[in-house]
Amino acid sequence: MTQHPFDENELFKTGRDVWFEMRGNAVAQKAMDEAAQHEMTRDLRQYLFEHCFAAVWARPGLERATRSTITISVLTALGRAEELKSHIRMGLNNGLTREELKEIFLHVGIYAGVPTAVAAVRAAMEVFAEMDKAKG
């Protein structure tokens, strides 16, 4: 398959490092390899590393767990279940607990509607089941 190399500038490297820490090396590397298969996905990954993970997630001022809480809250409120699953995993890697996630969903449900909390809990349960199965 054709590989489309990334422009490994300083912002890219900073964002990549943050993302790898939050995702875990194996999962992150697999996603990087898949993204490099097509120009569109390569360019999106490049953009995300530079503008999301380097320019925002790597900023001082908020701990990663706090940034995860904010991101999970927004994704829950917007009903973005697929992206939410990814950020649930990253949130756990950033130090959030399952109990804290439950509280986030309850809190967001009050302000964004109960269906958003229900969908978020379903997404979290899927992530927890996958993680528990992988642990044995």
N, C-alpha and C. Protein backbone atom coordinates (compact mmCIF):
# COMPACT_ATOMS: atom_id res chain seq x y z
N MET A 1 0.82 -1.18 0.00
CA MET A 1 0.00 0.00 0.00
C MET A 1 0.87 1.25 0.00
N THR A 2 0.40 2.31 -0.61
CA THR A 2 1.14 3.56 -0.67
C THR A 2 1.17 4.20 0.70
N GLN A 3 2.34 4.67 1.07
CA GLN A 3 2.49 5.40 2.32
C GLN A 3 2.64 6.88 2.01
N HIS A 4 1.95 7.71 2.76
CA HIS A 4 2.03 9.15 2.62
C HIS A 4 2.70 9.67 3.88
N PRO A 5 3.96 10.08 3.77
CA PRO A 5 4.70 10.50 4.98
C PRO A 5 4.13 11.78 5.58
N PHE A 6 4.27 11.88 6.88
CA PHE A 6 3.87 13.08 7.61
C PHE A 6 4.98 14.11 7.53
N ASP A 7 4.63 15.39 7.65
CA ASP A 7 5.60 16.46 7.77
C ASP A 7 5.94 16.55 9.26
N GLU A 8 7.04 15.94 9.65
CA GLU A 8 7.37 15.83 11.07
C GLU A 8 8.05 17.09 11.59
N ASN A 9 7.32 18.22 11.51
CA ASN A 9 7.81 19.48 12.06
C ASN A 9 7.69 19.46 13.58
N GLU A 10 8.12 20.52 14.24
CA GLU A 10 8.13 20.54 15.71
C GLU A 10 6.73 20.43 16.31
N LEU A 11 5.74 21.14 15.74
CA LEU A 11 4.38 21.04 16.25
C LEU A 11 3.84 19.61 16.10
N PHE A 12 4.11 19.01 14.95
CA PHE A 12 3.68 17.63 14.72
C PHE A 12 4.26 16.72 15.79
N LYS A 13 5.57 16.83 16.02
CA LYS A 13 6.24 15.97 16.99
C LYS A 13 5.69 16.17 18.40
N THR A 14 5.45 17.43 18.77
CA THR A 14 4.89 17.71 20.10
C THR A 14 3.51 17.08 20.23
N GLY A 15 2.65 17.32 19.24
CA GLY A 15 1.30 16.77 19.26
C GLY A 15 1.30 15.25 19.23
N ARG A 16 2.16 14.68 18.41
CA ARG A 16 2.27 13.21 18.33
C ARG A 16 2.65 12.64 19.68
N ASP A 17 3.63 13.25 20.34
CA ASP A 17 4.09 12.74 21.64
C ASP A 17 2.97 12.78 22.68
N VAL A 18 2.22 13.89 22.72
CA VAL A 18 1.09 14.00 23.65
C VAL A 18 0.07 12.92 23.35
N TRP A 19 -0.29 12.78 22.09
CA TRP A 19 -1.30 11.81 21.68
C TRP A 19 -0.87 10.37 21.99
N PHE A 20 0.40 10.06 21.74
CA PHE A 20 0.90 8.72 22.04
C PHE A 20 0.82 8.44 23.54
N GLU A 21 1.15 9.43 24.36
CA GLU A 21 1.06 9.26 25.81
C GLU A 21 -0.38 9.00 26.24
N MET A 22 -1.31 9.69 25.61
CA MET A 22 -2.71 9.56 26.00
C MET A 22 -3.36 8.30 25.44
N ARG A 23 -2.98 7.88 24.27
CA ARG A 23 -3.58 6.71 23.62
C ARG A 23 -2.91 5.40 24.01
N GLY A 24 -1.63 5.45 24.29
CA GLY A 24 -0.84 4.24 24.48
C GLY A 24 -0.14 3.92 23.17
N ASN A 25 1.10 3.44 23.27
CA ASN A 25 1.95 3.27 22.09
C ASN A 25 1.38 2.36 21.02
N ALA A 26 0.88 1.19 21.40
CA ALA A 26 0.41 0.23 20.40
C ALA A 26 -0.79 0.75 19.63
N VAL A 27 -1.78 1.28 20.33
CA VAL A 27 -2.98 1.80 19.67
C VAL A 27 -2.63 3.01 18.82
N ALA A 28 -1.79 3.88 19.35
CA ALA A 28 -1.41 5.09 18.62
C ALA A 28 -0.63 4.75 17.35
N GLN A 29 0.30 3.82 17.45
CA GLN A 29 1.10 3.46 16.27
C GLN A 29 0.24 2.84 15.19
N LYS A 30 -0.71 2.00 15.59
CA LYS A 30 -1.63 1.38 14.61
C LYS A 30 -2.42 2.47 13.89
N ALA A 31 -2.93 3.45 14.63
CA ALA A 31 -3.69 4.55 14.03
C ALA A 31 -2.81 5.39 13.11
N MET A 32 -1.57 5.61 13.52
CA MET A 32 -0.63 6.37 12.66
C MET A 32 -0.38 5.64 11.35
N ASP A 33 -0.16 4.34 11.44
CA ASP A 33 0.09 3.54 10.24
C ASP A 33 -1.12 3.56 9.31
N GLU A 34 -2.31 3.45 9.89
CA GLU A 34 -3.53 3.50 9.09
C GLU A 34 -3.72 4.88 8.45
N ALA A 35 -3.43 5.94 9.20
CA ALA A 35 -3.59 7.30 8.68
C ALA A 35 -2.66 7.55 7.51
N ALA A 36 -1.48 6.96 7.54
CA ALA A 36 -0.50 7.18 6.47
C ALA A 36 -0.87 6.46 5.18
N GLN A 37 -1.92 5.67 5.18
CA GLN A 37 -2.34 4.92 4.00
C GLN A 37 -3.03 5.79 2.95
N HIS A 38 -3.56 6.93 3.36
CA HIS A 38 -4.33 7.77 2.45
C HIS A 38 -4.03 9.23 2.72
N GLU A 39 -3.95 10.02 1.67
CA GLU A 39 -3.66 11.45 1.85
C GLU A 39 -4.65 12.15 2.78
N MET A 40 -5.94 11.83 2.64
CA MET A 40 -6.95 12.52 3.42
C MET A 40 -6.76 12.25 4.92
N THR A 41 -6.58 10.98 5.27
CA THR A 41 -6.41 10.64 6.69
C THR A 41 -5.07 11.12 7.21
N ARG A 42 -4.05 11.06 6.37
CA ARG A 42 -2.73 11.58 6.76
C ARG A 42 -2.83 13.06 7.06
N ASP A 43 -3.47 13.82 6.18
CA ASP A 43 -3.58 15.27 6.38
C ASP A 43 -4.41 15.62 7.60
N LEU A 44 -5.46 14.85 7.87
CA LEU A 44 -6.26 15.09 9.06
C LEU A 44 -5.44 14.82 10.32
N ARG A 45 -4.70 13.71 10.35
CA ARG A 45 -3.85 13.40 11.50
C ARG A 45 -2.80 14.49 11.70
N GLN A 46 -2.20 14.95 10.60
CA GLN A 46 -1.22 16.04 10.68
C GLN A 46 -1.85 17.27 11.33
N TYR A 47 -3.03 17.63 10.86
CA TYR A 47 -3.75 18.80 11.38
C TYR A 47 -4.06 18.63 12.87
N LEU A 48 -4.57 17.46 13.24
CA LEU A 48 -4.92 17.21 14.64
C LEU A 48 -3.70 17.29 15.56
N PHE A 49 -2.60 16.72 15.13
CA PHE A 49 -1.39 16.78 15.96
C PHE A 49 -0.92 18.21 16.16
N GLU A 50 -0.91 18.97 15.08
CA GLU A 50 -0.40 20.35 15.17
C GLU A 50 -1.35 21.29 15.90
N HIS A 51 -2.65 21.20 15.59
CA HIS A 51 -3.60 22.20 16.08
C HIS A 51 -4.40 21.77 17.30
N CYS A 52 -4.55 20.50 17.50
CA CYS A 52 -5.31 20.03 18.66
C CYS A 52 -4.35 19.62 19.78
N PHE A 53 -3.49 18.67 19.50
CA PHE A 53 -2.67 18.10 20.56
C PHE A 53 -1.44 18.94 20.89
N ALA A 54 -0.83 19.62 19.93
CA ALA A 54 0.31 20.49 20.24
C ALA A 54 -0.16 21.85 20.73
N ALA A 55 -1.09 22.46 20.00
CA ALA A 55 -1.49 23.84 20.31
C ALA A 55 -2.42 23.93 21.51
N VAL A 56 -3.15 22.88 21.84
CA VAL A 56 -4.11 22.95 22.95
C VAL A 56 -3.74 21.97 24.07
N TRP A 57 -3.70 20.68 23.77
CA TRP A 57 -3.46 19.69 24.82
C TRP A 57 -2.10 19.85 25.49
N ALA A 58 -1.11 20.35 24.77
CA ALA A 58 0.24 20.50 25.34
C ALA A 58 0.43 21.82 26.09
N ARG A 59 -0.59 22.67 26.08
CA ARG A 59 -0.48 23.96 26.78
C ARG A 59 -0.39 23.77 28.29
N PRO A 60 0.33 24.68 28.94
CA PRO A 60 0.28 24.69 30.40
C PRO A 60 -1.04 25.31 30.85
N GLY A 61 -1.36 25.21 32.10
CA GLY A 61 -2.55 25.88 32.62
C GLY A 61 -3.64 24.95 33.08
N LEU A 62 -3.77 23.81 32.43
CA LEU A 62 -4.74 22.79 32.85
C LEU A 62 -4.05 21.42 32.81
N GLU A 63 -4.35 20.62 33.80
CA GLU A 63 -3.85 19.24 33.80
C GLU A 63 -4.58 18.45 32.72
N ARG A 64 -3.97 17.38 32.26
CA ARG A 64 -4.61 16.56 31.22
C ARG A 64 -5.93 15.97 31.69
N ALA A 65 -6.03 15.60 32.94
CA ALA A 65 -7.31 15.05 33.44
C ALA A 65 -8.40 16.10 33.34
N THR A 66 -8.07 17.35 33.59
CA THR A 66 -9.05 18.43 33.48
C THR A 66 -9.44 18.63 32.02
N ARG A 67 -8.47 18.61 31.14
CA ARG A 67 -8.77 18.73 29.70
C ARG A 67 -9.63 17.56 29.24
N SER A 68 -9.35 16.37 29.75
CA SER A 68 -10.18 15.21 29.41
C SER A 68 -11.60 15.39 29.90
N THR A 69 -11.76 15.90 31.12
CA THR A 69 -13.11 16.15 31.66
C THR A 69 -13.87 17.11 30.76
N ILE A 70 -13.23 18.17 30.35
CA ILE A 70 -13.87 19.15 29.47
C ILE A 70 -14.24 18.50 28.13
N THR A 71 -13.31 17.80 27.54
CA THR A 71 -13.53 17.18 26.23
C THR A 71 -14.65 16.14 26.30
N ILE A 72 -14.63 15.30 27.31
CA ILE A 72 -15.66 14.28 27.47
C ILE A 72 -17.02 14.93 27.69
N SER A 73 -17.06 16.01 28.45
CA SER A 73 -18.31 16.73 28.69
C SER A 73 -18.88 17.30 27.39
N VAL A 74 -18.02 17.92 26.61
CA VAL A 74 -18.48 18.52 25.35
C VAL A 74 -18.94 17.44 24.38
N LEU A 75 -18.15 16.39 24.23
CA LEU A 75 -18.54 15.31 23.32
C LEU A 75 -19.84 14.64 23.75
N THR A 76 -20.03 14.50 25.06
CA THR A 76 -21.29 13.96 25.57
C THR A 76 -22.44 14.88 25.20
N ALA A 77 -22.29 16.16 25.47
CA ALA A 77 -23.36 17.14 25.19
C ALA A 77 -23.70 17.19 23.70
N LEU A 78 -22.69 17.02 22.86
CA LEU A 78 -22.91 17.05 21.42
C LEU A 78 -23.39 15.72 20.84
N GLY A 79 -23.36 14.67 21.66
CA GLY A 79 -23.80 13.36 21.18
C GLY A 79 -22.84 12.70 20.21
N ARG A 80 -21.56 12.92 20.39
CA ARG A 80 -20.54 12.37 19.49
C ARG A 80 -19.97 11.07 20.07
N ALA A 81 -20.77 10.01 20.07
CA ALA A 81 -20.44 8.77 20.78
C ALA A 81 -19.15 8.11 20.30
N GLU A 82 -18.90 8.07 19.01
CA GLU A 82 -17.69 7.39 18.53
C GLU A 82 -16.43 8.11 19.01
N GLU A 83 -16.40 9.41 18.87
CA GLU A 83 -15.25 10.18 19.34
C GLU A 83 -15.17 10.13 20.87
N LEU A 84 -16.32 10.09 21.52
CA LEU A 84 -16.37 10.01 22.98
C LEU A 84 -15.66 8.75 23.47
N LYS A 85 -15.85 7.62 22.80
CA LYS A 85 -15.20 6.37 23.21
C LYS A 85 -13.69 6.54 23.25
N SER A 86 -13.15 7.17 22.24
CA SER A 86 -11.71 7.41 22.19
C SER A 86 -11.27 8.28 23.36
N HIS A 87 -12.04 9.31 23.65
CA HIS A 87 -11.66 10.22 24.73
C HIS A 87 -11.93 9.63 26.12
N ILE A 88 -12.83 8.68 26.22
CA ILE A 88 -13.00 7.95 27.48
C ILE A 88 -11.72 7.17 27.77
N ARG A 89 -11.21 6.47 26.74
CA ARG A 89 -9.95 5.73 26.92
C ARG A 89 -8.81 6.67 27.30
N MET A 90 -8.71 7.78 26.58
CA MET A 90 -7.64 8.74 26.88
C MET A 90 -7.84 9.36 28.26
N GLY A 91 -9.09 9.63 28.64
CA GLY A 91 -9.36 10.18 29.95
C GLY A 91 -8.90 9.25 31.06
N LEU A 92 -9.16 7.96 30.89
CA LEU A 92 -8.69 6.97 31.87
C LEU A 92 -7.15 6.97 31.91
N ASN A 93 -6.52 7.05 30.75
CA ASN A 93 -5.05 7.13 30.70
C ASN A 93 -4.53 8.42 31.32
N ASN A 94 -5.37 9.46 31.31
CA ASN A 94 -4.98 10.75 31.89
C ASN A 94 -5.32 10.84 33.38
N GLY A 95 -5.80 9.75 33.96
CA GLY A 95 -6.01 9.72 35.40
C GLY A 95 -7.45 9.77 35.87
N LEU A 96 -8.41 9.91 34.95
CA LEU A 96 -9.81 9.87 35.38
C LEU A 96 -10.16 8.44 35.80
N THR A 97 -11.11 8.33 36.71
CA THR A 97 -11.59 7.01 37.14
C THR A 97 -12.96 6.75 36.51
N ARG A 98 -13.37 5.52 36.57
CA ARG A 98 -14.70 5.16 36.07
C ARG A 98 -15.77 5.89 36.88
N GLU A 99 -15.54 6.04 38.17
CA GLU A 99 -16.49 6.76 39.03
C GLU A 99 -16.60 8.23 38.60
N GLU A 100 -15.47 8.85 38.28
CA GLU A 100 -15.50 10.24 37.83
C GLU A 100 -16.22 10.37 36.49
N LEU A 101 -16.01 9.41 35.60
CA LEU A 101 -16.73 9.43 34.32
C LEU A 101 -18.23 9.35 34.55
N LYS A 102 -18.65 8.48 35.45
CA LYS A 102 -20.08 8.37 35.77
C LYS A 102 -20.62 9.72 36.23
N GLU A 103 -19.88 10.39 37.09
CA GLU A 103 -20.32 11.70 37.59
C GLU A 103 -20.35 12.75 36.48
N ILE A 104 -19.41 12.69 35.57
CA ILE A 104 -19.41 13.62 34.42
C ILE A 104 -20.69 13.42 33.61
N PHE A 105 -21.04 12.16 33.32
CA PHE A 105 -22.22 11.88 32.51
C PHE A 105 -23.50 12.32 33.21
N LEU A 106 -23.59 12.08 34.52
CA LEU A 106 -24.76 12.54 35.28
C LEU A 106 -24.87 14.06 35.24
N HIS A 107 -23.75 14.72 35.43
CA HIS A 107 -23.75 16.19 35.46
C HIS A 107 -24.13 16.77 34.10
N VAL A 108 -23.53 16.25 33.05
CA VAL A 108 -23.83 16.75 31.70
C VAL A 108 -25.28 16.45 31.34
N GLY A 109 -25.78 15.30 31.78
CA GLY A 109 -27.17 14.93 31.49
C GLY A 109 -28.18 15.95 32.01
N ILE A 110 -27.89 16.58 33.13
CA ILE A 110 -28.78 17.60 33.69
C ILE A 110 -28.85 18.81 32.76
N TYR A 111 -27.73 19.20 32.21
CA TYR A 111 -27.67 20.42 31.39
C TYR A 111 -27.88 20.18 29.90
N ALA A 112 -27.52 18.99 29.42
CA ALA A 112 -27.63 18.72 27.98
C ALA A 112 -28.72 17.72 27.65
N GLY A 113 -29.37 17.17 28.66
CA GLY A 113 -30.47 16.24 28.44
C GLY A 113 -30.10 14.81 28.79
N VAL A 114 -31.06 14.12 29.35
CA VAL A 114 -30.86 12.75 29.79
C VAL A 114 -30.42 11.83 28.64
N PRO A 115 -30.98 11.96 27.42
CA PRO A 115 -30.52 11.07 26.35
C PRO A 115 -29.01 11.16 26.09
N THR A 116 -28.43 12.34 26.29
CA THR A 116 -26.98 12.44 26.10
C THR A 116 -26.24 11.63 27.15
N ALA A 117 -26.72 11.65 28.38
CA ALA A 117 -26.10 10.87 29.45
C ALA A 117 -26.26 9.38 29.20
N VAL A 118 -27.43 8.97 28.73
CA VAL A 118 -27.67 7.56 28.44
C VAL A 118 -26.72 7.09 27.35
N ALA A 119 -26.58 7.85 26.28
CA ALA A 119 -25.68 7.47 25.19
C ALA A 119 -24.23 7.43 25.66
N ALA A 120 -23.84 8.37 26.50
CA ALA A 120 -22.47 8.40 27.01
C ALA A 120 -22.19 7.20 27.91
N VAL A 121 -23.15 6.84 28.75
CA VAL A 121 -22.98 5.67 29.62
C VAL A 121 -22.86 4.41 28.77
N ARG A 122 -23.67 4.30 27.73
CA ARG A 122 -23.57 3.14 26.82
C ARG A 122 -22.18 3.08 26.19
N ALA A 123 -21.69 4.22 25.72
CA ALA A 123 -20.35 4.27 25.12
C ALA A 123 -19.29 3.86 26.14
N ALA A 124 -19.40 4.36 27.36
CA ALA A 124 -18.44 4.02 28.40
C ALA A 124 -18.49 2.53 28.73
N MET A 125 -19.68 1.98 28.81
CA MET A 125 -19.82 0.55 29.10
C MET A 125 -19.14 -0.30 28.03
N GLU A 126 -19.25 0.12 26.76
CA GLU A 126 -18.56 -0.59 25.68
C GLU A 126 -17.06 -0.52 25.86
N VAL A 127 -16.55 0.68 26.17
CA VAL A 127 -15.11 0.86 26.39
C VAL A 127 -14.65 0.02 27.58
N PHE A 128 -15.38 0.07 28.67
CA PHE A 128 -15.00 -0.71 29.86
C PHE A 128 -14.97 -2.20 29.55
N ALA A 129 -15.97 -2.68 28.81
CA ALA A 129 -16.02 -4.11 28.46
C ALA A 129 -14.81 -4.51 27.62
N GLU A 130 -14.45 -3.66 26.64
CA GLU A 130 -13.28 -3.94 25.81
C GLU A 130 -12.02 -3.95 26.66
N MET A 131 -11.89 -2.99 27.55
CA MET A 131 -10.70 -2.89 28.39
C MET A 131 -10.63 -4.09 29.36
N ASP A 132 -11.75 -4.45 29.95
CA ASP A 132 -11.77 -5.56 30.90
C ASP A 132 -11.46 -6.88 30.19
N LYS A 133 -11.98 -7.04 28.97
CA LYS A 133 -11.72 -8.26 28.19
C LYS A 133 -10.23 -8.36 27.85
N ALA A 134 -9.63 -7.22 27.48
CA ALA A 134 -8.20 -7.22 27.14
C ALA A 134 -7.33 -7.56 28.34
N LYS A 135 -7.79 -7.20 29.55
CA LYS A 135 -7.04 -7.51 30.77
C LYS A 135 -7.18 -8.97 31.17
N GLY A 136 -8.22 -9.62 30.64
CA GLY A 136 -8.43 -11.04 30.95
C GLY A 136 -9.37 -11.18 32.03
